[in-house]
Amino acid sequence: ENIFSINSTSGDFWILKSFDREIKSNYSLFICVFDGIYQTCSSIYLNILDENDNICKFNSSSITLTINENLPLNTNLIQIQAYDPDYKQNGTLQYKLSPKTSYLNINLTTGLIQTTI
């Protein structure tokens, strides 16, 4: 991978490409300096922080649900599933129904849809 470059005279260090945490989350580098006689080396560890740069997606592009009438209150109907490839808090999802209804509720964090009437 040609992601890094270093000027052997000045020691200036460049990053040649953008990082993408979803592809690679960390890098280990070994940098050495030489004065003509002696050489010393050091390790550099880079941990890439995540940006919220990916769109969340449903596991299914459309869902058809057939239910019986007169279901009891709080009957579980279906659990909607989606995912976001971003890391930790950037990958946290919140579900909502639109438009809001008086007869269905969706759990904000789990995607579980229940009857409310």
N, C-alpha and C. Protein backbone atom coordinates (compact mmCIF):
# COMPACT_ATOMS: atom_id res chain seq x y z
N GLU A 1 0.84 -1.19 0.00
CA GLU A 1 0.00 0.00 0.00
C GLU A 1 0.88 1.24 0.00
N ASN A 2 0.69 2.09 -0.95
CA ASN A 2 1.40 3.37 -0.96
C ASN A 2 0.50 4.44 -0.36
N ILE A 3 0.40 4.42 0.96
CA ILE A 3 -0.44 5.39 1.65
C ILE A 3 0.41 6.48 2.28
N PHE A 4 1.65 6.15 2.63
CA PHE A 4 2.52 7.08 3.33
C PHE A 4 3.79 7.32 2.52
N SER A 5 4.36 8.51 2.72
CA SER A 5 5.64 8.84 2.11
C SER A 5 6.44 9.65 3.12
N ILE A 6 7.75 9.47 3.10
CA ILE A 6 8.62 10.24 4.00
C ILE A 6 9.81 10.75 3.19
N ASN A 7 10.15 12.02 3.40
CA ASN A 7 11.33 12.59 2.76
C ASN A 7 12.54 12.14 3.55
N SER A 8 13.46 11.43 2.90
CA SER A 8 14.60 10.84 3.61
C SER A 8 15.59 11.89 4.12
N THR A 9 15.55 13.11 3.61
CA THR A 9 16.44 14.16 4.08
C THR A 9 15.81 14.99 5.19
N SER A 10 14.59 15.47 4.96
CA SER A 10 13.95 16.37 5.94
C SER A 10 13.16 15.62 7.01
N GLY A 11 12.74 14.40 6.71
CA GLY A 11 11.90 13.66 7.65
C GLY A 11 10.43 14.01 7.54
N ASP A 12 10.09 14.90 6.58
CA ASP A 12 8.68 15.24 6.38
C ASP A 12 7.89 13.99 6.00
N PHE A 13 6.71 13.88 6.57
CA PHE A 13 5.88 12.68 6.44
C PHE A 13 4.57 13.08 5.78
N TRP A 14 4.16 12.36 4.74
CA TRP A 14 2.92 12.67 4.02
C TRP A 14 1.99 11.47 4.01
N ILE A 15 0.73 11.80 4.02
CA ILE A 15 -0.32 10.80 3.80
C ILE A 15 -0.79 10.99 2.36
N LEU A 16 -0.69 9.94 1.56
CA LEU A 16 -0.94 10.05 0.13
C LEU A 16 -2.38 9.75 -0.28
N LYS A 17 -3.12 9.06 0.58
CA LYS A 17 -4.51 8.68 0.26
C LYS A 17 -5.39 8.93 1.47
N SER A 18 -6.67 9.05 1.23
CA SER A 18 -7.62 9.19 2.34
C SER A 18 -7.77 7.87 3.08
N PHE A 19 -8.00 7.96 4.37
CA PHE A 19 -8.27 6.78 5.18
C PHE A 19 -9.75 6.45 5.13
N ASP A 20 -10.08 5.19 5.22
CA ASP A 20 -11.47 4.75 5.36
C ASP A 20 -11.50 3.67 6.43
N ARG A 21 -12.02 4.02 7.59
CA ARG A 21 -12.01 3.11 8.74
C ARG A 21 -12.72 1.80 8.46
N GLU A 22 -13.74 1.83 7.60
CA GLU A 22 -14.46 0.60 7.30
C GLU A 22 -13.61 -0.38 6.48
N ILE A 23 -12.58 0.12 5.81
CA ILE A 23 -11.67 -0.75 5.06
C ILE A 23 -10.50 -1.18 5.94
N LYS A 24 -9.90 -0.23 6.64
CA LYS A 24 -8.77 -0.55 7.53
C LYS A 24 -8.81 0.41 8.71
N SER A 25 -8.78 -0.13 9.93
CA SER A 25 -8.97 0.69 11.13
C SER A 25 -7.67 1.12 11.79
N ASN A 26 -6.54 0.52 11.42
CA ASN A 26 -5.27 0.94 12.02
C ASN A 26 -4.10 0.59 11.11
N TYR A 27 -3.00 1.27 11.36
CA TYR A 27 -1.77 1.06 10.60
C TYR A 27 -0.60 1.00 11.57
N SER A 28 0.38 0.17 11.25
CA SER A 28 1.63 0.10 12.00
C SER A 28 2.76 0.46 11.05
N LEU A 29 3.58 1.42 11.45
CA LEU A 29 4.71 1.85 10.64
C LEU A 29 5.99 1.68 11.43
N PHE A 30 7.06 1.43 10.73
CA PHE A 30 8.38 1.31 11.33
C PHE A 30 9.26 2.33 10.62
N ILE A 31 9.74 3.34 11.35
CA ILE A 31 10.53 4.42 10.76
C ILE A 31 11.93 4.40 11.36
N CYS A 32 12.93 4.48 10.48
CA CYS A 32 14.32 4.44 10.93
C CYS A 32 15.05 5.70 10.48
N VAL A 33 16.04 6.09 11.25
CA VAL A 33 16.90 7.21 10.89
C VAL A 33 18.35 6.72 10.97
N PHE A 34 19.18 7.20 10.04
CA PHE A 34 20.55 6.73 9.92
C PHE A 34 21.46 7.93 9.74
N ASP A 35 22.54 8.01 10.52
CA ASP A 35 23.46 9.16 10.43
C ASP A 35 24.76 8.83 9.71
N GLY A 36 24.80 7.73 9.02
CA GLY A 36 26.01 7.31 8.33
C GLY A 36 26.74 6.21 9.08
N ILE A 37 26.56 6.15 10.40
CA ILE A 37 27.19 5.11 11.21
C ILE A 37 26.13 4.35 12.00
N TYR A 38 25.28 5.10 12.67
CA TYR A 38 24.29 4.48 13.56
C TYR A 38 22.87 4.62 12.99
N GLN A 39 22.09 3.65 13.32
CA GLN A 39 20.68 3.67 12.92
C GLN A 39 19.82 3.41 14.15
N THR A 40 18.73 4.13 14.24
CA THR A 40 17.74 3.87 15.29
C THR A 40 16.36 3.87 14.64
N CYS A 41 15.48 3.09 15.21
CA CYS A 41 14.14 2.94 14.62
C CYS A 41 13.07 3.15 15.68
N SER A 42 11.90 3.49 15.20
CA SER A 42 10.75 3.69 16.09
C SER A 42 9.49 3.18 15.40
N SER A 43 8.53 2.79 16.20
CA SER A 43 7.25 2.33 15.68
C SER A 43 6.21 3.44 15.81
N ILE A 44 5.37 3.53 14.82
CA ILE A 44 4.24 4.45 14.86
C ILE A 44 2.98 3.63 14.65
N TYR A 45 2.02 3.81 15.54
CA TYR A 45 0.73 3.13 15.42
C TYR A 45 -0.35 4.18 15.18
N LEU A 46 -1.08 4.04 14.11
CA LEU A 46 -2.16 4.97 13.78
C LEU A 46 -3.50 4.25 13.94
N ASN A 47 -4.37 4.80 14.76
CA ASN A 47 -5.74 4.32 14.88
C ASN A 47 -6.63 5.31 14.15
N ILE A 48 -7.39 4.82 13.20
CA ILE A 48 -8.24 5.67 12.38
C ILE A 48 -9.60 5.84 13.06
N LEU A 49 -9.99 7.09 13.31
CA LEU A 49 -11.29 7.38 13.90
C LEU A 49 -12.36 7.34 12.81
N ASP A 50 -13.56 6.98 13.21
CA ASP A 50 -14.64 6.83 12.25
C ASP A 50 -15.40 8.13 12.04
N GLU A 51 -15.85 8.36 10.82
CA GLU A 51 -16.79 9.43 10.50
C GLU A 51 -18.11 8.77 10.13
N ASN A 52 -19.18 9.49 10.34
CA ASN A 52 -20.50 8.98 9.96
C ASN A 52 -20.67 9.23 8.46
N ASP A 53 -20.01 8.40 7.65
CA ASP A 53 -19.95 8.63 6.21
C ASP A 53 -20.66 7.55 5.39
N ASN A 54 -21.38 6.66 6.03
CA ASN A 54 -22.11 5.61 5.32
C ASN A 54 -23.59 5.72 5.61
N ILE A 55 -24.39 5.47 4.60
CA ILE A 55 -25.84 5.52 4.76
C ILE A 55 -26.33 4.20 5.35
N CYS A 56 -27.32 4.28 6.21
CA CYS A 56 -27.90 3.06 6.76
C CYS A 56 -28.79 2.41 5.69
N LYS A 57 -28.94 1.09 5.79
CA LYS A 57 -29.70 0.34 4.79
C LYS A 57 -30.58 -0.68 5.49
N PHE A 58 -31.75 -0.90 4.90
CA PHE A 58 -32.63 -1.96 5.38
C PHE A 58 -32.16 -3.30 4.82
N ASN A 59 -32.38 -4.36 5.59
CA ASN A 59 -32.05 -5.70 5.10
C ASN A 59 -32.97 -6.12 3.96
N SER A 60 -34.16 -5.52 3.90
CA SER A 60 -35.15 -5.80 2.86
C SER A 60 -35.61 -4.48 2.27
N SER A 61 -35.70 -4.39 0.95
CA SER A 61 -36.09 -3.12 0.34
C SER A 61 -37.57 -2.83 0.47
N SER A 62 -38.40 -3.86 0.61
CA SER A 62 -39.82 -3.62 0.86
C SER A 62 -40.39 -4.78 1.66
N ILE A 63 -41.39 -4.47 2.45
CA ILE A 63 -42.00 -5.47 3.34
C ILE A 63 -43.51 -5.39 3.17
N THR A 64 -44.14 -6.53 2.99
CA THR A 64 -45.60 -6.61 2.96
C THR A 64 -46.03 -7.42 4.16
N LEU A 65 -46.94 -6.87 4.92
CA LEU A 65 -47.38 -7.51 6.16
C LEU A 65 -48.90 -7.65 6.11
N THR A 66 -49.38 -8.86 6.35
CA THR A 66 -50.82 -9.11 6.43
C THR A 66 -51.13 -9.48 7.87
N ILE A 67 -52.08 -8.76 8.47
CA ILE A 67 -52.42 -9.01 9.87
C ILE A 67 -53.92 -9.21 10.03
N ASN A 68 -54.29 -9.90 11.06
CA ASN A 68 -55.70 -10.11 11.39
C ASN A 68 -56.26 -8.88 12.08
N GLU A 69 -57.55 -8.66 11.91
CA GLU A 69 -58.19 -7.57 12.63
C GLU A 69 -58.39 -7.95 14.09
N ASN A 70 -58.63 -6.96 14.92
CA ASN A 70 -58.91 -7.14 16.35
C ASN A 70 -57.78 -7.81 17.11
N LEU A 71 -56.56 -7.52 16.75
CA LEU A 71 -55.42 -8.06 17.50
C LEU A 71 -55.34 -7.38 18.86
N PRO A 72 -54.87 -8.09 19.88
CA PRO A 72 -54.73 -7.48 21.21
C PRO A 72 -53.70 -6.35 21.19
N LEU A 73 -53.85 -5.46 22.15
CA LEU A 73 -52.90 -4.36 22.34
C LEU A 73 -51.49 -4.92 22.53
N ASN A 74 -50.50 -4.26 21.97
CA ASN A 74 -49.08 -4.62 22.08
C ASN A 74 -48.74 -5.96 21.45
N THR A 75 -49.48 -6.37 20.43
CA THR A 75 -49.12 -7.58 19.68
C THR A 75 -47.91 -7.27 18.82
N ASN A 76 -46.88 -8.11 18.91
CA ASN A 76 -45.70 -7.95 18.07
C ASN A 76 -46.06 -8.35 16.64
N LEU A 77 -45.78 -7.46 15.69
CA LEU A 77 -46.10 -7.74 14.29
C LEU A 77 -44.86 -8.15 13.50
N ILE A 78 -43.82 -7.36 13.58
CA ILE A 78 -42.60 -7.65 12.84
C ILE A 78 -41.47 -6.81 13.43
N GLN A 79 -40.26 -7.32 13.32
CA GLN A 79 -39.10 -6.54 13.72
C GLN A 79 -38.34 -6.16 12.46
N ILE A 80 -38.31 -4.88 12.18
CA ILE A 80 -37.62 -4.35 11.02
C ILE A 80 -36.12 -4.36 11.32
N GLN A 81 -35.32 -4.75 10.34
CA GLN A 81 -33.87 -4.78 10.56
C GLN A 81 -33.15 -3.93 9.52
N ALA A 82 -32.22 -3.16 10.01
CA ALA A 82 -31.39 -2.32 9.16
C ALA A 82 -29.97 -2.35 9.73
N TYR A 83 -29.03 -1.83 8.98
CA TYR A 83 -27.64 -1.80 9.46
C TYR A 83 -26.95 -0.54 8.94
N ASP A 84 -25.90 -0.17 9.63
CA ASP A 84 -25.06 0.95 9.24
C ASP A 84 -23.62 0.50 9.44
N PRO A 85 -22.81 0.48 8.38
CA PRO A 85 -21.44 -0.02 8.51
C PRO A 85 -20.50 0.88 9.31
N ASP A 86 -20.95 2.07 9.69
CA ASP A 86 -20.09 2.94 10.50
C ASP A 86 -19.87 2.33 11.87
N TYR A 87 -18.84 2.80 12.56
CA TYR A 87 -18.37 2.22 13.81
C TYR A 87 -19.04 2.86 15.02
N LYS A 88 -19.35 2.05 16.00
CA LYS A 88 -19.91 2.45 17.30
C LYS A 88 -21.04 3.47 17.16
N GLN A 89 -20.90 4.65 17.80
CA GLN A 89 -22.01 5.60 17.83
C GLN A 89 -22.39 6.08 16.43
N ASN A 90 -21.48 6.07 15.49
CA ASN A 90 -21.81 6.48 14.12
C ASN A 90 -22.66 5.44 13.39
N GLY A 91 -22.69 4.23 13.92
CA GLY A 91 -23.50 3.17 13.33
C GLY A 91 -24.79 2.90 14.09
N THR A 92 -25.11 3.74 15.07
CA THR A 92 -26.33 3.56 15.87
C THR A 92 -27.54 4.01 15.05
N LEU A 93 -28.57 3.18 15.07
CA LEU A 93 -29.78 3.46 14.30
C LEU A 93 -30.94 3.83 15.20
N GLN A 94 -31.87 4.62 14.68
CA GLN A 94 -33.13 4.93 15.35
C GLN A 94 -34.25 4.76 14.33
N TYR A 95 -35.25 3.98 14.71
CA TYR A 95 -36.37 3.70 13.82
C TYR A 95 -37.54 4.64 14.12
N LYS A 96 -38.31 4.96 13.08
CA LYS A 96 -39.55 5.72 13.29
C LYS A 96 -40.51 5.39 12.15
N LEU A 97 -41.80 5.49 12.46
CA LEU A 97 -42.84 5.31 11.45
C LEU A 97 -43.23 6.67 10.90
N SER A 98 -43.45 6.73 9.60
CA SER A 98 -43.86 7.99 9.00
C SER A 98 -44.92 7.70 7.94
N PRO A 99 -46.08 8.31 8.03
CA PRO A 99 -46.51 9.20 9.10
C PRO A 99 -46.84 8.41 10.36
N LYS A 100 -46.84 9.11 11.50
CA LYS A 100 -47.20 8.47 12.77
C LYS A 100 -48.63 7.96 12.68
N THR A 101 -48.87 6.84 13.34
CA THR A 101 -50.23 6.29 13.36
C THR A 101 -50.66 6.09 14.80
N SER A 102 -51.96 5.99 15.00
CA SER A 102 -52.47 5.73 16.36
C SER A 102 -52.62 4.24 16.62
N TYR A 103 -52.42 3.41 15.61
CA TYR A 103 -52.63 1.97 15.77
C TYR A 103 -51.36 1.13 15.72
N LEU A 104 -50.23 1.74 15.37
CA LEU A 104 -48.94 1.03 15.35
C LEU A 104 -47.88 1.85 16.06
N ASN A 105 -46.92 1.15 16.64
CA ASN A 105 -45.78 1.79 17.29
C ASN A 105 -44.53 1.02 16.88
N ILE A 106 -43.43 1.74 16.68
CA ILE A 106 -42.16 1.08 16.41
C ILE A 106 -41.19 1.44 17.52
N ASN A 107 -40.49 0.44 18.03
CA ASN A 107 -39.49 0.67 19.06
C ASN A 107 -38.32 1.43 18.43
N LEU A 108 -37.95 2.53 19.05
CA LEU A 108 -36.91 3.42 18.54
C LEU A 108 -35.59 2.71 18.26
N THR A 109 -35.20 1.77 19.13
CA THR A 109 -33.89 1.14 18.99
C THR A 109 -33.91 -0.26 18.40
N THR A 110 -35.01 -1.00 18.57
CA THR A 110 -35.03 -2.39 18.09
C THR A 110 -35.73 -2.57 16.75
N GLY A 111 -36.59 -1.63 16.36
CA GLY A 111 -37.34 -1.76 15.12
C GLY A 111 -38.57 -2.65 15.23
N LEU A 112 -38.93 -3.06 16.45
CA LEU A 112 -40.10 -3.92 16.66
C LEU A 112 -41.38 -3.10 16.49
N ILE A 113 -42.25 -3.56 15.60
CA ILE A 113 -43.53 -2.89 15.38
C ILE A 113 -44.61 -3.66 16.12
N GLN A 114 -45.43 -2.91 16.90
CA GLN A 114 -46.50 -3.49 17.70
C GLN A 114 -47.80 -2.73 17.46
N THR A 115 -48.90 -3.41 17.79
CA THR A 115 -50.20 -2.75 17.75
C THR A 115 -50.35 -1.86 18.98
N THR A 116 -51.06 -0.75 18.82
CA THR A 116 -51.30 0.15 19.97
C THR A 116 -52.79 0.34 20.23
N ILE A 117 -53.63 -0.23 19.42
CA ILE A 117 -55.09 -0.14 19.64
C ILE A 117 -55.63 -1.56 19.68
